[in-house]
Amino acid sequence: MAATSHPLATVVALDVLKSGGNAVDAAIAASAVLAVVEPQMTGIGGDCFAIVAEPDGSVHGLNGSGRVAASADAAKLRAMGHARVPATGGLSITVPGAVDAWARLAERFGTRGMDALLQPAIHYAEAGFPIHERVAWDWALLADGLAGDEGTARHCLAGGRAPVTGERFAFPALAKTLRAIATGGSRAFYEGPVAAEIAATVRKAGGFMDEEDLAAVRADWVAPVSTRYGGHDVLEIPPNGQGIVALVILNILGALGAGKLPPDGAARYHLEIEAARLAYSVRDHLLADPASMGASAEQILSPAHTESLAARIDPERRADDIVLPDLPDADTIYLTVVDRDRRAVSFINSIYSGFGALVATPESGIVLQNRGACFSLEEGHPNEMKGGKRPMHTIIPAMAMKDGRVSHSFGVMGGAYQPMGHAHVFSNLTDHGMDVQAAIDHARLFWDESGTLLHERHMAEDAIAGLAARGHGLKPAPKAWGGSQIIRINHETGFLEAGSDARKDGMAAGW
């Protein structure tokens, strides 16, 4: 079974499974297709994280996030007059980690080589693919920015405009690059002509990067961090990712007994929002490359820390003394695959904002991520930009285990919203007994830069009124919050249940 954010990727994943490939093979092939058909969200110029659960119950995390160039430094940006890392452009670009992550996943767990797994993506990049509605909507919003860079204007616009729904679009230059990776492996991306062009493009755009920065890329195998909630062990990738924030939210909700409240009521939403505001404040004060953090995951998830946070929440009133976190907006793809052996993969790939840094290599057609915008320029901050360092990262795959076996493989896309999305969806599944699709479809809300709660339009009116009575400012969200895919495994019956979010163009399917 596979659930991805685009029908073409889901079909490719199923094709791999039907031909004898496993879940890891299918996930890599689907992610490569998404790098072509959802180019505003993801690509080989971005990063990747994954959790793999083997049939024997062993679980393995992979951190495929790239680092900032060795020559980059917050002091240099401060000297240029920057108070924050620019959201786009050369200074926002970090080294892409995704291709190395794909290769390491394939080498350790896959049954197919990268050559075979990249063929569907190469086909769509060469022959073209139909533009789906959500993709077209995103693309149109970014057309002006794409026109401002030689590479993105050449590869990402059709005669100077964004493609529209139903139009066929192709990436011939990207197809050549994918073919080079298929035949030469990941080193064909991180060394040689492609790497030289990436580094030169970043420098021309005003950023920091040398070929040595690309040659040094290595994804890391990591042990997931976890907490206990609803009778399950919920697993996330440890920092530099923000997955631990979802676990902090769940810890607070568990301490407050939030799962006993009606799922559509103001009381439940209020506790989720207040718990999230506290957890995100923890994120923005502490989370960074683990080598720079002053607190461990164990300390952040400890009962004492949970109790101190939960004690700050008034169930009847919005707190005024919580510092609102930064709200990076981001575009991401998430997918999950489970194979016949019940091997599960929770997989996420992203170039961060829409079309990343709005910079692409002119010849090889690679849109480069703007993940450096996640760094702080505050002197002494754990997440301060330093050469060779990984930034605090927003993209987070998740899993849940029960009785030593994976029960749910899930994720929620959407930049800063992701940790709250994980907590909300998992509470829907466990506290409120929702089926997978209902848990995904359930109304969401999140705050904007001013602290106003933006609620989805299908949220119950009495919940909105109840939140306002508790001191929250609210207004309808201009767009849906995030997007989710979930697969639930029933080991007793052998059944798989999947859902895909209508907020995106995705599809869940099995065979």
Protein backbone atom coordinates (compact mmCIF):
# COMPACT_ATOMS: atom_id res chain seq x y z
CA MET A 1 0.00 0.00 0.00
CA ALA A 2 1.18 3.53 -0.74
CA ALA A 3 -0.05 7.02 0.10
CA THR A 4 1.61 10.03 -1.50
CA SER A 5 0.76 13.63 -2.33
CA HIS A 6 0.33 12.98 -6.08
CA PRO A 7 -1.49 10.19 -7.97
CA LEU A 8 1.39 9.57 -10.39
CA ALA A 9 3.76 8.95 -7.49
CA THR A 10 1.31 6.58 -5.80
CA VAL A 11 0.89 4.58 -9.02
CA VAL A 12 4.68 4.35 -9.43
CA ALA A 13 5.05 3.13 -5.84
CA LEU A 14 2.44 0.42 -6.44
CA ASP A 15 4.14 -0.59 -9.69
CA VAL A 16 7.40 -1.11 -7.80
CA LEU A 17 5.63 -3.19 -5.14
CA LYS A 18 3.79 -5.29 -7.73
CA SER A 19 7.04 -6.03 -9.55
CA GLY A 20 8.61 -7.43 -6.37
CA GLY A 21 10.27 -4.35 -4.92
CA ASN A 22 9.95 -3.51 -1.26
CA ALA A 23 8.64 -0.44 0.56
CA VAL A 24 12.01 1.33 0.48
CA ASP A 25 12.34 0.82 -3.27
CA ALA A 26 8.81 2.14 -3.76
CA ALA A 27 9.38 5.18 -1.54
CA ILE A 28 12.54 6.22 -3.39
CA ALA A 29 10.89 5.82 -6.79
CA ALA A 30 7.84 7.79 -5.65
CA SER A 31 9.96 10.56 -4.14
CA ALA A 32 11.90 10.91 -7.39
CA VAL A 33 8.63 11.21 -9.33
CA LEU A 34 7.40 13.86 -6.89
CA ALA A 35 10.63 15.78 -7.52
CA VAL A 36 9.38 16.13 -11.10
CA VAL A 37 5.59 16.45 -10.80
CA GLU A 38 5.53 18.60 -7.63
CA PRO A 39 8.59 20.77 -8.30
CA GLN A 40 7.34 23.61 -6.12
CA MET A 41 7.43 21.28 -3.12
CA THR A 42 10.42 19.01 -3.51
CA GLY A 43 13.39 18.06 -5.61
CA ILE A 44 16.91 16.71 -5.75
CA GLY A 45 18.09 20.14 -4.61
CA GLY A 46 16.49 19.55 -1.20
CA ASP A 47 16.67 17.39 1.91
CA CYS A 48 15.16 14.10 3.06
CA PHE A 49 14.33 12.34 6.32
CA ALA A 50 12.99 8.80 6.69
CA ILE A 51 12.01 6.20 9.26
CA VAL A 52 12.14 2.54 8.22
CA ALA A 53 10.48 -0.19 10.29
CA GLU A 54 11.63 -3.69 9.40
CA PRO A 55 9.39 -6.78 9.69
CA ASP A 56 11.38 -7.91 12.75
CA GLY A 57 10.34 -4.73 14.60
CA SER A 58 13.66 -2.91 14.31
CA VAL A 59 13.36 0.78 13.48
CA HIS A 60 15.94 2.96 11.74
CA GLY A 61 15.98 6.72 11.25
CA LEU A 62 17.83 8.59 8.52
CA ASN A 63 18.77 12.26 8.68
CA GLY A 64 19.39 13.37 5.12
CA SER A 65 19.56 17.10 5.80
CA GLY A 66 22.37 19.06 4.25
CA ARG A 67 24.70 21.49 5.96
CA VAL A 68 25.53 25.09 5.30
CA ALA A 69 28.78 25.66 3.45
CA ALA A 70 31.98 25.57 5.49
CA SER A 71 32.66 29.22 4.62
CA ALA A 72 29.24 30.49 5.77
CA ASP A 73 28.92 32.31 9.07
CA ALA A 74 26.30 34.38 10.87
CA ALA A 75 28.86 37.12 11.53
CA LYS A 76 29.32 37.60 7.78
CA LEU A 77 25.59 38.03 7.27
CA ARG A 78 25.33 40.43 10.21
CA ALA A 79 28.17 42.45 8.68
CA MET A 80 26.12 42.66 5.48
CA GLY A 81 23.32 44.24 7.50
CA HIS A 82 21.07 41.19 7.80
CA ALA A 83 19.10 40.63 11.00
CA ARG A 84 17.74 37.37 9.59
CA VAL A 85 18.87 34.98 6.90
CA PRO A 86 17.16 36.07 3.67
CA ALA A 87 14.18 33.88 2.79
CA THR A 88 15.39 33.29 -0.77
CA GLY A 89 18.50 33.82 -2.87
CA GLY A 90 22.04 32.56 -2.55
CA LEU A 91 22.49 33.23 1.17
CA SER A 92 19.56 30.94 1.98
CA ILE A 93 20.94 27.88 0.16
CA THR A 94 22.31 24.87 2.02
CA VAL A 95 23.90 21.77 0.52
CA PRO A 96 21.23 19.33 -0.76
CA GLY A 97 21.10 16.09 1.20
CA ALA A 98 18.29 14.18 -0.51
CA VAL A 99 20.21 12.34 -3.23
CA ASP A 100 22.71 10.92 -0.75
CA ALA A 101 19.84 9.91 1.54
CA TRP A 102 18.08 8.07 -1.30
CA ALA A 103 21.30 6.24 -2.15
CA ARG A 104 21.92 5.19 1.45
CA LEU A 105 18.35 3.94 1.85
CA ALA A 106 18.63 1.95 -1.38
CA GLU A 107 22.00 0.49 -0.41
CA ARG A 108 20.93 -0.63 3.06
CA PHE A 109 17.32 -1.69 2.55
CA GLY A 110 16.49 -1.67 -1.15
CA THR A 111 16.35 -4.52 -3.64
CA ARG A 112 16.65 -2.37 -6.78
CA GLY A 113 19.45 -0.13 -7.90
CA MET A 114 19.06 3.60 -8.32
CA ASP A 115 19.07 3.14 -12.09
CA ALA A 116 15.79 1.21 -12.03
CA LEU A 117 14.19 3.36 -9.32
CA LEU A 118 14.78 6.65 -11.14
CA GLN A 119 13.37 5.54 -14.51
CA PRO A 120 9.76 6.64 -13.85
CA ALA A 121 10.94 10.11 -12.79
CA ILE A 122 13.16 10.34 -15.86
CA HIS A 123 10.19 9.38 -18.04
CA TYR A 124 7.96 12.14 -16.65
CA ALA A 125 10.75 14.71 -16.79
CA GLU A 126 11.40 13.89 -20.46
CA ALA A 127 7.90 13.17 -21.78
CA GLY A 128 6.08 15.63 -19.57
CA PHE A 129 3.30 15.28 -17.03
CA PRO A 130 -0.12 16.87 -16.48
CA ILE A 131 -0.23 19.81 -14.08
CA HIS A 132 -2.61 19.09 -11.21
CA GLU A 133 -4.86 21.71 -9.64
CA ARG A 134 -2.98 22.30 -6.37
CA VAL A 135 0.36 22.33 -8.19
CA ALA A 136 -0.94 24.93 -10.64
CA TRP A 137 -2.29 27.07 -7.80
CA ASP A 138 1.07 27.08 -6.01
CA TRP A 139 3.02 27.65 -9.22
CA ALA A 140 0.98 30.71 -10.21
CA LEU A 141 1.71 32.39 -6.87
CA LEU A 142 5.45 31.95 -7.44
CA ALA A 143 5.70 32.93 -11.12
CA ASP A 144 7.10 36.42 -10.49
CA GLY A 145 9.83 35.06 -8.23
CA LEU A 146 10.74 32.37 -10.76
CA ALA A 147 11.17 35.02 -13.45
CA GLY A 148 13.90 36.72 -11.43
CA ASP A 149 16.54 33.98 -11.76
CA GLU A 150 18.13 32.72 -14.97
CA GLY A 151 17.80 29.06 -14.03
CA THR A 152 14.25 29.08 -12.67
CA ALA A 153 13.04 31.28 -15.54
CA ARG A 154 14.51 28.81 -18.04
CA HIS A 155 13.32 25.58 -16.43
CA CYS A 156 10.22 26.44 -14.40
CA LEU A 157 8.21 28.75 -16.65
CA ALA A 158 6.44 28.16 -19.96
CA GLY A 159 7.07 31.18 -22.14
CA GLY A 160 7.48 33.36 -19.07
CA ARG A 161 4.33 32.14 -17.30
CA ALA A 162 3.37 29.41 -14.87
CA PRO A 163 1.74 26.33 -16.41
CA VAL A 164 -1.97 25.89 -15.77
CA THR A 165 -4.11 22.95 -14.67
CA GLY A 166 -4.18 20.22 -17.30
CA GLU A 167 -1.18 21.54 -19.22
CA ARG A 168 1.69 19.17 -20.04
CA PHE A 169 5.04 20.30 -18.68
CA ALA A 170 8.51 18.74 -18.95
CA PHE A 171 11.94 19.20 -17.37
CA PRO A 172 14.42 18.00 -20.02
CA ALA A 173 17.49 19.34 -18.21
CA LEU A 174 16.43 17.70 -14.95
CA ALA A 175 15.87 14.45 -16.86
CA LYS A 176 19.52 14.49 -17.96
CA THR A 177 20.64 15.08 -14.38
CA LEU A 178 18.46 12.25 -13.08
CA ARG A 179 19.87 9.98 -15.78
CA ALA A 180 23.40 10.88 -14.69
CA ILE A 181 22.51 9.92 -11.09
CA ALA A 182 20.85 6.71 -12.31
CA THR A 183 23.99 5.58 -14.12
CA GLY A 184 26.68 7.14 -11.94
CA GLY A 185 25.10 6.97 -8.49
CA SER A 186 24.92 9.78 -5.96
CA ARG A 187 28.54 10.75 -6.57
CA ALA A 188 27.50 11.92 -10.05
CA PHE A 189 25.50 14.58 -8.21
CA TYR A 190 27.98 15.48 -5.46
CA GLU A 191 31.16 15.38 -7.54
CA GLY A 192 32.03 16.36 -11.10
CA PRO A 193 30.21 18.74 -13.47
CA VAL A 194 26.86 18.79 -11.66
CA ALA A 195 28.46 19.65 -8.32
CA ALA A 196 30.65 22.29 -9.95
CA GLU A 197 27.59 23.95 -11.46
CA ILE A 198 25.66 23.86 -8.17
CA ALA A 199 28.52 25.54 -6.31
CA ALA A 200 29.03 28.13 -9.05
CA THR A 201 25.30 28.91 -9.17
CA VAL A 202 25.15 29.48 -5.42
CA ARG A 203 28.18 31.77 -5.47
CA LYS A 204 26.79 33.73 -8.42
CA ALA A 205 23.58 34.22 -6.42
CA GLY A 206 25.62 35.70 -3.57
CA GLY A 207 25.85 32.63 -1.37
CA PHE A 208 28.56 30.41 0.05
CA MET A 209 29.35 27.01 -1.47
CA ASP A 210 32.33 25.14 -2.85
CA GLU A 211 32.61 21.76 -4.54
CA GLU A 212 34.18 20.44 -1.35
CA ASP A 213 30.96 21.19 0.54
CA LEU A 214 29.04 18.96 -1.85
CA ALA A 215 31.62 16.17 -1.85
CA ALA A 216 31.43 16.03 1.96
CA VAL A 217 27.67 15.28 2.13
CA ARG A 218 26.77 12.23 4.22
CA ALA A 219 23.32 11.31 5.52
CA ASP A 220 23.35 9.94 9.07
CA TRP A 221 21.58 6.91 10.52
CA VAL A 222 19.97 7.95 13.80
CA ALA A 223 17.90 6.36 16.56
CA PRO A 224 14.41 7.89 16.65
CA VAL A 225 13.24 9.71 19.77
CA SER A 226 9.89 8.68 21.22
CA THR A 227 7.19 9.24 23.78
CA ARG A 228 4.24 7.17 24.97
CA TYR A 229 0.76 8.32 23.98
CA GLY A 230 -2.57 6.55 23.62
CA GLY A 231 -1.05 3.13 24.20
CA HIS A 232 1.54 3.63 21.46
CA ASP A 233 5.17 4.63 21.23
CA VAL A 234 5.28 7.63 18.89
CA LEU A 235 8.59 7.95 17.02
CA GLU A 236 10.21 11.01 15.44
CA ILE A 237 13.64 11.83 14.02
CA PRO A 238 15.75 13.61 16.68
CA PRO A 239 17.08 17.17 16.31
CA ASN A 240 18.12 18.99 14.19
CA GLY A 241 14.55 18.20 13.08
CA GLN A 242 11.50 19.56 14.89
CA GLY A 243 9.87 16.15 15.35
CA ILE A 244 10.57 16.31 19.07
CA VAL A 245 8.17 19.27 19.23
CA ALA A 246 5.29 16.95 18.31
CA LEU A 247 6.30 14.70 21.19
CA VAL A 248 6.37 17.64 23.61
CA ILE A 249 2.83 18.57 22.51
CA LEU A 250 1.63 14.99 23.04
CA ASN A 251 3.29 14.89 26.46
CA ILE A 252 1.50 18.08 27.52
CA LEU A 253 -1.85 16.88 26.16
CA GLY A 254 -1.42 13.59 27.99
CA ALA A 255 -0.63 15.37 31.24
CA LEU A 256 -3.77 17.50 30.86
CA GLY A 257 -6.06 14.61 29.91
CA ALA A 258 -6.97 16.37 26.67
CA GLY A 259 -7.87 13.11 24.95
CA LYS A 260 -11.04 12.82 27.05
CA LEU A 261 -12.50 16.03 25.63
CA PRO A 262 -14.96 16.07 22.69
CA PRO A 263 -12.97 16.08 19.44
CA ASP A 264 -14.80 19.02 17.85
CA GLY A 265 -15.07 21.21 20.93
CA ALA A 266 -13.35 24.44 21.86
CA ALA A 267 -11.86 22.89 25.01
CA ARG A 268 -9.88 20.35 22.98
CA TYR A 269 -8.67 22.87 20.39
CA HIS A 270 -7.71 25.36 23.12
CA LEU A 271 -5.49 22.85 24.92
CA GLU A 272 -3.86 21.81 21.64
CA ILE A 273 -3.10 25.41 20.71
CA GLU A 274 -1.72 26.31 24.13
CA ALA A 275 0.38 23.13 24.27
CA ALA A 276 1.70 23.88 20.79
CA ARG A 277 2.57 27.49 21.64
CA LEU A 278 4.65 26.26 24.56
CA ALA A 279 6.28 23.46 22.58
CA TYR A 280 7.17 25.75 19.68
CA SER A 281 8.70 28.21 22.12
CA VAL A 282 10.89 25.35 23.34
CA ARG A 283 11.80 24.68 19.71
CA ASP A 284 12.85 28.24 18.97
CA HIS A 285 14.93 28.53 22.14
CA LEU A 286 16.65 25.13 22.10
CA LEU A 287 16.50 23.19 18.84
CA ALA A 288 19.50 23.14 16.51
CA ASP A 289 22.20 20.86 15.20
CA PRO A 290 22.56 18.50 18.20
CA ALA A 291 26.24 19.40 18.55
CA SER A 292 25.12 22.95 19.45
CA MET A 293 22.16 22.19 21.70
CA GLY A 294 22.34 22.94 25.40
CA ALA A 295 19.60 20.46 26.28
CA SER A 296 19.23 16.80 25.40
CA ALA A 297 16.16 15.09 23.96
CA GLU A 298 15.79 13.26 27.26
CA GLN A 299 15.64 16.54 29.17
CA ILE A 300 13.16 18.08 26.73
CA LEU A 301 10.85 15.05 26.99
CA SER A 302 11.30 14.46 30.72
CA PRO A 303 8.28 14.25 33.05
CA ALA A 304 9.56 17.24 35.02
CA HIS A 305 9.75 19.42 31.92
CA THR A 306 6.33 18.23 30.77
CA GLU A 307 4.79 19.07 34.13
CA SER A 308 6.35 22.53 34.18
CA LEU A 309 4.90 23.28 30.74
CA ALA A 310 1.47 21.81 31.45
CA ALA A 311 1.20 23.86 34.64
CA ARG A 312 1.31 27.06 32.57
CA ILE A 313 -1.92 26.24 30.71
CA ASP A 314 -5.27 27.60 31.87
CA PRO A 315 -8.04 25.47 30.32
CA GLU A 316 -10.33 28.50 30.22
CA ARG A 317 -8.00 31.27 29.06
CA ARG A 318 -5.35 31.98 26.45
CA ALA A 319 -1.96 32.70 28.01
CA ASP A 320 -0.43 36.07 27.21
CA ASP A 321 3.11 35.26 28.39
CA ILE A 322 4.15 32.78 25.69
CA VAL A 323 6.59 34.10 23.13
CA LEU A 324 5.25 33.35 19.67
CA PRO A 325 7.70 31.33 17.59
CA ASP A 326 8.86 32.20 14.12
CA LEU A 327 6.56 30.86 11.40
CA PRO A 328 8.55 29.69 8.40
CA ASP A 329 6.24 28.87 5.52
CA ALA A 330 7.32 25.79 3.63
CA ASP A 331 6.41 23.36 0.88
CA THR A 332 7.08 19.68 1.34
CA ILE A 333 6.03 16.25 0.15
CA TYR A 334 5.30 13.35 2.48
CA LEU A 335 4.71 9.74 1.53
CA THR A 336 4.41 6.38 3.23
CA VAL A 337 4.63 2.83 1.89
CA VAL A 338 4.01 -0.58 3.47
CA ASP A 339 4.97 -3.75 1.59
CA ARG A 340 3.81 -7.38 1.68
CA ASP A 341 6.22 -8.18 4.52
CA ARG A 342 4.82 -5.24 6.54
CA ARG A 343 8.04 -3.28 6.16
CA ALA A 344 7.00 0.36 6.56
CA VAL A 345 8.63 3.58 5.37
CA SER A 346 7.74 7.06 6.57
CA PHE A 347 9.43 9.45 4.15
CA ILE A 348 9.60 13.20 3.67
CA ASN A 349 11.45 15.34 1.12
CA SER A 350 11.48 19.11 0.65
CA ILE A 351 13.12 22.16 -0.87
CA TYR A 352 11.56 24.20 1.97
CA SER A 353 9.67 27.19 0.53
CA GLY A 354 7.86 27.14 -2.80
CA PHE A 355 10.58 26.49 -5.42
CA GLY A 356 13.13 26.75 -2.62
CA ALA A 357 15.56 29.64 -2.89
CA LEU A 358 14.06 30.64 -6.28
CA VAL A 359 17.46 29.76 -7.72
CA ALA A 360 18.17 26.91 -10.16
CA THR A 361 21.25 25.67 -11.96
CA PRO A 362 21.03 26.90 -15.59
CA GLU A 363 22.28 23.72 -17.28
CA SER A 364 21.34 20.82 -14.97
CA GLY A 365 17.92 22.20 -14.00
CA ILE A 366 18.20 21.72 -10.22
CA VAL A 367 16.04 23.97 -8.05
CA LEU A 368 18.03 24.64 -4.87
CA GLN A 369 16.54 24.68 -1.39
CA ASN A 370 16.46 27.71 0.91
CA ARG A 371 16.89 25.71 4.12
CA GLY A 372 19.48 28.19 5.40
CA ALA A 373 16.55 30.49 6.20
CA CYS A 374 15.93 28.24 9.21
CA PHE A 375 19.17 29.42 10.86
CA SER A 376 19.29 32.19 13.42
CA LEU A 377 21.66 35.14 13.11
CA GLU A 378 21.43 35.86 16.84
CA GLU A 379 24.90 35.66 18.33
CA GLY A 380 25.20 32.73 20.73
CA HIS A 381 21.87 31.14 19.80
CA PRO A 382 22.07 27.32 19.54
CA ASN A 383 20.77 27.58 15.97
CA GLU A 384 23.17 30.36 14.95
CA MET A 385 24.56 29.86 11.44
CA LYS A 386 28.07 28.40 11.51
CA GLY A 387 30.07 26.78 8.74
CA GLY A 388 29.34 23.08 8.23
CA LYS A 389 26.34 23.13 10.57
CA ARG A 390 22.86 21.73 10.00
CA PRO A 391 19.96 24.15 10.59
CA MET A 392 16.92 23.51 12.72
CA HIS A 393 14.73 21.59 10.30
CA THR A 394 10.96 21.59 9.79
CA ILE A 395 10.30 18.36 7.86
CA ILE A 396 9.42 15.37 10.01
CA PRO A 397 8.31 11.80 9.24
CA ALA A 398 6.66 9.85 12.05
CA MET A 399 5.69 6.35 13.10
CA ALA A 400 3.83 4.74 15.96
CA MET A 401 4.57 1.34 17.46
CA LYS A 402 2.35 -0.95 19.51
CA ASP A 403 3.55 -4.16 21.13
CA GLY A 404 6.86 -3.87 19.32
CA ARG A 405 5.38 -3.59 15.81
CA VAL A 406 4.62 -0.56 13.67
CA SER A 407 0.94 0.41 13.89
CA HIS A 408 0.91 3.72 12.01
CA SER A 409 3.23 5.32 9.46
CA PHE A 410 2.25 8.95 9.07
CA GLY A 411 3.21 12.52 8.41
CA VAL A 412 1.72 15.97 8.01
CA MET A 413 3.24 18.48 5.59
CA GLY A 414 3.10 22.21 6.10
CA GLY A 415 6.21 23.93 7.44
CA ALA A 416 5.77 25.15 11.00
CA TYR A 417 2.39 23.42 11.30
CA GLN A 418 3.87 19.92 11.08
CA PRO A 419 4.43 19.13 14.80
CA MET A 420 0.96 20.34 15.75
CA GLY A 421 -0.41 18.42 12.78
CA HIS A 422 1.25 15.22 14.00
CA ALA A 423 -0.22 15.65 17.48
CA HIS A 424 -3.69 16.54 16.19
CA VAL A 425 -3.93 13.68 13.72
CA PHE A 426 -2.54 11.09 16.13
CA SER A 427 -4.95 12.22 18.85
CA ASN A 428 -7.78 11.85 16.33
CA LEU A 429 -6.69 8.26 15.68
CA THR A 430 -6.08 7.15 19.26
CA ASP A 431 -8.16 9.35 21.57
CA HIS A 432 -11.20 9.66 19.33
CA GLY A 433 -11.17 6.40 17.42
CA MET A 434 -11.38 8.00 13.99
CA ASP A 435 -10.65 6.01 10.87
CA VAL A 436 -7.60 7.12 8.95
CA GLN A 437 -9.39 9.33 6.42
CA ALA A 438 -11.57 10.98 9.07
CA ALA A 439 -8.49 11.73 11.18
CA ILE A 440 -6.91 13.46 8.19
CA ASP A 441 -10.03 15.38 7.14
CA HIS A 442 -10.80 16.74 10.62
CA ALA A 443 -10.76 20.55 10.88
CA ARG A 444 -7.44 22.21 11.73
CA LEU A 445 -6.30 25.60 12.91
CA PHE A 446 -2.98 27.32 13.52
CA TRP A 447 -1.74 30.82 14.22
CA ASP A 448 -0.29 33.43 11.89
CA GLU A 449 2.56 35.87 12.57
CA SER A 450 0.31 38.05 14.73
CA GLY A 451 -0.91 35.16 16.87
CA THR A 452 -4.37 35.13 15.31
CA LEU A 453 -5.78 31.62 14.89
CA LEU A 454 -6.61 30.80 11.29
CA HIS A 455 -9.31 28.14 11.30
CA GLU A 456 -10.34 25.95 8.41
CA ARG A 457 -13.80 26.71 7.13
CA HIS A 458 -15.34 23.38 8.13
CA MET A 459 -14.57 23.94 11.82
CA ALA A 460 -17.68 23.88 14.03
CA GLU A 461 -19.13 27.32 14.80
CA ASP A 462 -19.47 26.56 18.52
CA ALA A 463 -15.77 25.66 18.66
CA ILE A 464 -14.87 28.98 17.06
CA ALA A 465 -17.09 30.84 19.53
CA GLY A 466 -15.64 28.91 22.46
CA LEU A 467 -12.09 29.73 21.44
CA ALA A 468 -12.97 33.41 21.10
CA ALA A 469 -14.45 33.32 24.61
CA ARG A 470 -11.10 31.99 25.87
CA GLY A 471 -9.30 35.03 24.47
CA HIS A 472 -8.17 33.79 21.07
CA GLY A 473 -8.42 35.99 18.02
CA LEU A 474 -9.69 34.01 15.04
CA LYS A 475 -10.42 34.35 11.35
CA PRO A 476 -10.92 31.92 8.45
CA ALA A 477 -7.71 30.49 7.01
CA PRO A 478 -6.97 31.66 3.45
CA LYS A 479 -5.79 28.13 2.60
CA ALA A 480 -5.94 24.69 4.19
CA TRP A 481 -3.41 23.74 6.86
CA GLY A 482 -0.89 21.15 5.75
CA GLY A 483 -1.47 17.84 4.03
CA SER A 484 -1.25 14.32 5.39
CA GLN A 485 -0.78 10.70 4.43
CA ILE A 486 -1.28 7.78 6.82
CA ILE A 487 -1.14 3.99 6.65
CA ARG A 488 -2.46 2.01 9.62
CA ILE A 489 -1.46 -1.64 10.02
CA ASN A 490 -3.70 -4.18 11.76
CA HIS A 491 -1.35 -7.07 12.47
CA GLU A 492 -4.16 -9.28 13.77
CA THR A 493 -6.16 -9.22 10.53
CA GLY A 494 -3.34 -8.33 8.17
CA PHE A 495 -5.35 -5.40 6.85
CA LEU A 496 -3.87 -2.07 5.80
CA GLU A 497 -5.89 1.15 5.99
CA ALA A 498 -4.67 4.29 4.25
CA GLY A 499 -5.74 7.86 3.74
CA SER A 500 -4.54 10.83 1.72
CA ASP A 501 -5.34 14.47 2.34
CA ALA A 502 -7.84 16.25 0.10
CA ARG A 503 -5.92 19.44 0.94
CA LYS A 504 -3.36 18.22 -1.62
CA ASP A 505 -3.60 16.35 -4.94
CA GLY A 506 -2.61 13.02 -3.41
CA MET A 507 -3.93 9.48 -3.45
CA ALA A 508 -3.77 6.37 -1.28
CA ALA A 509 -4.03 2.95 -2.91
CA GLY A 510 -3.18 -0.69 -2.37
CA TRP A 511 -3.33 -3.98 -4.17
